[in-house]
N, C-alpha and C. Protein backbone atom coordinates (compact mmCIF):
# COMPACT_ATOMS: atom_id res chain seq x y z
N MET A 1 0.68 -1.40 -0.03
CA MET A 1 -0.25 -0.24 0.30
C MET A 1 0.81 1.19 -0.01
N THR A 2 0.31 2.39 -0.48
CA THR A 2 1.53 3.47 -0.88
C THR A 2 0.23 4.84 0.29
N ALA A 3 0.91 4.90 1.20
CA ALA A 3 0.34 6.31 1.73
C ALA A 3 0.52 7.12 1.15
N ALA A 4 -0.26 8.77 1.06
CA ALA A 4 -0.25 9.85 0.40
C ALA A 4 -0.53 10.72 1.63
N PHE A 5 0.81 11.93 1.68
CA PHE A 5 0.37 12.66 2.74
C PHE A 5 0.42 14.60 1.64
N GLU A 6 -0.45 14.81 2.18
CA GLU A 6 -0.81 16.34 0.75
C GLU A 6 -0.84 17.68 1.96
N PRO A 7 0.13 18.34 1.55
CA PRO A 7 0.03 19.31 2.57
C PRO A 7 -1.10 20.31 2.49
N CYS A 8 -1.52 20.85 3.54
CA CYS A 8 -2.87 21.33 3.11
C CYS A 8 -2.64 23.01 3.28
N GLU A 9 -3.28 24.12 2.38
CA GLU A 9 -2.92 25.90 2.27
C GLU A 9 -3.22 26.10 3.32
N GLU A 10 -4.43 25.53 4.57
CA GLU A 10 -4.48 26.35 5.87
C GLU A 10 -3.84 25.76 7.15
N GLY A 11 -2.75 24.72 6.89
CA GLY A 11 -2.04 23.94 7.48
C GLY A 11 -2.42 22.48 7.63
N GLY A 12 -1.33 21.55 8.26
CA GLY A 12 -1.93 20.16 8.32
C GLY A 12 -1.47 19.28 6.92
N PHE A 13 -2.15 18.61 7.08
CA PHE A 13 -1.88 17.24 6.30
C PHE A 13 -2.93 16.59 5.72
N ILE A 14 -3.43 16.02 4.77
CA ILE A 14 -4.52 15.27 4.43
C ILE A 14 -3.25 14.31 3.83
N ALA A 15 -3.82 12.49 4.45
CA ALA A 15 -3.80 11.33 4.40
C ALA A 15 -4.49 10.47 3.66
N TYR A 16 -3.68 9.77 3.13
CA TYR A 16 -4.90 8.78 2.22
C TYR A 16 -3.73 7.50 1.61
N VAL A 17 -4.55 6.39 1.36
CA VAL A 17 -4.02 5.22 1.04
C VAL A 17 -4.17 5.07 -0.63
N GLN A 18 -3.65 5.32 -1.48
CA GLN A 18 -3.54 5.36 -2.92
C GLN A 18 -4.64 3.92 -3.33
N GLU A 19 -4.15 2.88 -3.25
CA GLU A 19 -4.95 1.85 -3.42
C GLU A 19 -6.40 1.53 -3.45
N ILE A 20 -6.48 2.06 -1.83
CA ILE A 20 -8.27 1.33 -1.54
C ILE A 20 -8.90 2.94 -1.15
N SER A 21 -10.06 2.97 -2.09
CA SER A 21 -10.72 4.01 -1.75
C SER A 21 -11.49 4.51 -0.56
N GLY A 22 -11.31 5.29 0.21
CA GLY A 22 -11.99 5.45 1.46
C GLY A 22 -11.48 5.05 2.85
N ILE A 23 -10.23 5.34 2.52
CA ILE A 23 -8.79 5.18 3.74
C ILE A 23 -8.68 6.66 3.64
N ASN A 24 -9.01 7.28 4.25
CA ASN A 24 -8.28 8.98 4.06
C ASN A 24 -8.75 9.42 5.25
N THR A 25 -8.23 10.37 6.13
CA THR A 25 -7.75 10.94 7.72
C THR A 25 -6.94 12.51 7.13
N GLN A 26 -6.50 13.01 8.29
CA GLN A 26 -5.50 14.19 8.17
C GLN A 26 -4.96 14.33 9.84
N GLY A 27 -4.11 15.00 9.51
CA GLY A 27 -3.87 15.68 10.90
C GLY A 27 -2.58 17.04 10.88
N GLU A 28 -2.88 17.90 11.94
CA GLU A 28 -2.42 19.13 12.45
C GLU A 28 -0.48 18.50 11.71
N THR A 29 0.24 17.35 12.06
CA THR A 29 1.33 17.15 12.08
C THR A 29 1.60 16.01 11.12
N LEU A 30 2.55 16.09 10.28
CA LEU A 30 2.84 14.55 9.88
C LEU A 30 2.81 13.59 10.43
N GLU A 31 3.13 13.67 11.63
CA GLU A 31 3.16 12.68 12.58
C GLU A 31 2.11 12.19 12.77
N GLU A 32 1.15 13.10 13.30
CA GLU A 32 -0.01 13.04 13.61
C GLU A 32 -1.03 12.24 12.52
N ALA A 33 -1.10 12.54 11.00
CA ALA A 33 -1.41 12.34 9.78
C ALA A 33 -1.06 10.83 9.60
N LYS A 34 0.35 10.32 9.92
CA LYS A 34 0.87 9.11 9.35
C LYS A 34 0.06 8.41 10.77
N ALA A 35 0.00 8.15 12.30
CA ALA A 35 -0.77 7.78 13.08
C ALA A 35 -2.15 7.45 12.71
N ASN A 36 -3.13 8.72 12.44
CA ASN A 36 -4.52 8.65 12.50
C ASN A 36 -4.55 7.68 11.19
N LEU A 37 -3.51 7.92 9.48
CA LEU A 37 -3.69 6.74 8.30
C LEU A 37 -3.64 5.26 8.96
N ALA A 38 -2.97 5.06 10.42
CA ALA A 38 -2.50 3.92 10.55
C ALA A 38 -3.93 3.27 11.12
N GLU A 39 -4.55 4.39 11.88
CA GLU A 39 -5.67 3.73 12.59
C GLU A 39 -6.31 3.52 12.29
N ALA A 40 -7.20 4.66 10.83
CA ALA A 40 -7.52 4.45 9.83
C ALA A 40 -7.34 3.11 8.82
N VAL A 41 -7.14 2.70 8.61
CA VAL A 41 -6.46 0.97 8.04
C VAL A 41 -6.75 -0.06 8.68
N ASN A 42 -6.38 0.18 10.00
CA ASN A 42 -6.90 -0.78 11.28
C ASN A 42 -8.01 -0.82 11.49
N LEU A 43 -8.73 -0.03 11.49
CA LEU A 43 -10.20 -0.06 11.77
C LEU A 43 -11.05 -0.40 10.37
N VAL A 44 -10.98 -0.43 8.98
CA VAL A 44 -11.66 -0.26 7.86
C VAL A 44 -10.72 -2.18 7.66
N PHE A 45 -9.07 -2.71 8.12
CA PHE A 45 -9.70 -3.99 7.97
C PHE A 45 -9.75 -5.06 8.90
N GLU A 46 -10.59 -4.08 10.28
CA GLU A 46 -11.41 -4.65 11.25
C GLU A 46 -12.77 -5.09 10.53
N GLU A 47 -13.10 -4.10 10.32
CA GLU A 47 -14.09 -3.98 9.93
C GLU A 47 -14.73 -4.81 8.78
N MET A 48 -13.47 -5.23 7.57
CA MET A 48 -13.83 -5.93 6.64
C MET A 48 -13.74 -7.14 7.03
N ARG A 49 -12.67 -8.20 8.15
CA ARG A 49 -12.13 -9.03 8.43
C ARG A 49 -14.08 -9.40 9.43
N ALA A 50 -14.79 -8.54 9.90
CA ALA A 50 -16.00 -8.62 10.75
C ALA A 50 -16.92 -9.23 10.16
N THR A 51 -16.80 -7.98 8.71
CA THR A 51 -18.17 -8.53 7.80
C THR A 51 -18.56 -9.52 6.95
N SER A 52 -17.16 -9.87 6.74
CA SER A 52 -16.65 -11.23 5.54
C SER A 52 -17.31 -12.36 6.73
N ARG A 53 -17.29 -12.49 8.26
CA ARG A 53 -17.26 -13.75 8.99
C ARG A 53 -18.92 -13.58 8.72
N LYS A 54 -20.02 -12.36 8.99
CA LYS A 54 -20.96 -12.36 9.50
C LYS A 54 -22.08 -13.44 8.63
N GLY A 55 -22.68 -14.13 9.25
CA GLY A 55 -23.46 -15.06 8.90
C GLY A 55 -22.85 -16.54 8.06
N GLU A 56 -21.82 -16.81 8.26
CA GLU A 56 -21.20 -17.73 8.05
C GLU A 56 -20.38 -18.43 9.59
N ALA A 57 -20.27 -18.13 10.45
CA ALA A 57 -19.85 -18.77 11.27
C ALA A 57 -20.73 -19.69 11.58
N ASN A 58 -21.83 -20.05 11.15
CA ASN A 58 -22.78 -21.86 11.77
C ASN A 58 -22.14 -23.12 10.02
N LYS A 59 -21.02 -22.25 9.14
CA LYS A 59 -20.59 -22.79 7.85
C LYS A 59 -19.03 -23.07 8.21
N ILE A 60 -18.52 -23.13 9.40
CA ILE A 60 -17.35 -22.86 9.24
C ILE A 60 -16.99 -23.83 10.22
N ILE A 61 -15.97 -25.26 10.16
CA ILE A 61 -15.78 -25.68 11.14
C ILE A 61 -14.25 -25.67 11.34
N THR A 62 -13.93 -25.68 13.05
CA THR A 62 -12.89 -25.46 13.58
C THR A 62 -12.43 -26.55 14.37
N GLN A 63 -10.54 -26.55 14.10
CA GLN A 63 -9.98 -28.25 15.11
C GLN A 63 -8.92 -28.00 15.17
N THR A 64 -8.31 -28.08 16.43
CA THR A 64 -7.04 -28.03 16.51
C THR A 64 -6.39 -29.21 16.33
N MET A 65 -5.59 -29.53 15.49
CA MET A 65 -4.70 -30.21 15.09
C MET A 65 -3.49 -30.14 15.44
N SER A 66 -2.64 -31.47 15.48
CA SER A 66 -1.32 -31.60 15.39
C SER A 66 -0.88 -32.54 15.23
N PHE A 67 0.10 -32.09 14.57
CA PHE A 67 1.11 -33.19 13.47
C PHE A 67 2.69 -33.41 13.91
N SER A 68 3.02 -34.92 13.85
CA SER A 68 3.98 -35.55 14.03
C SER A 68 4.67 -36.12 13.00
N PHE A 69 6.10 -35.89 12.78
CA PHE A 69 6.64 -36.54 11.28
C PHE A 69 8.18 -36.96 11.47
């Protein structure tokens, strides 16, 4: 993923991920924009994982297995 940070005329930065629309944020400093973008990416992926598993819980079979060679 490519993170982009654009300075704003009024100060601060706009931050977004170029390859994924909808992941964007801002910050007063570059460091704040980076931290906010990392949080936004994590939140989007958490939501994607949660959404992809809704309704499938009763279809998934899990079992702990061990192997010896």
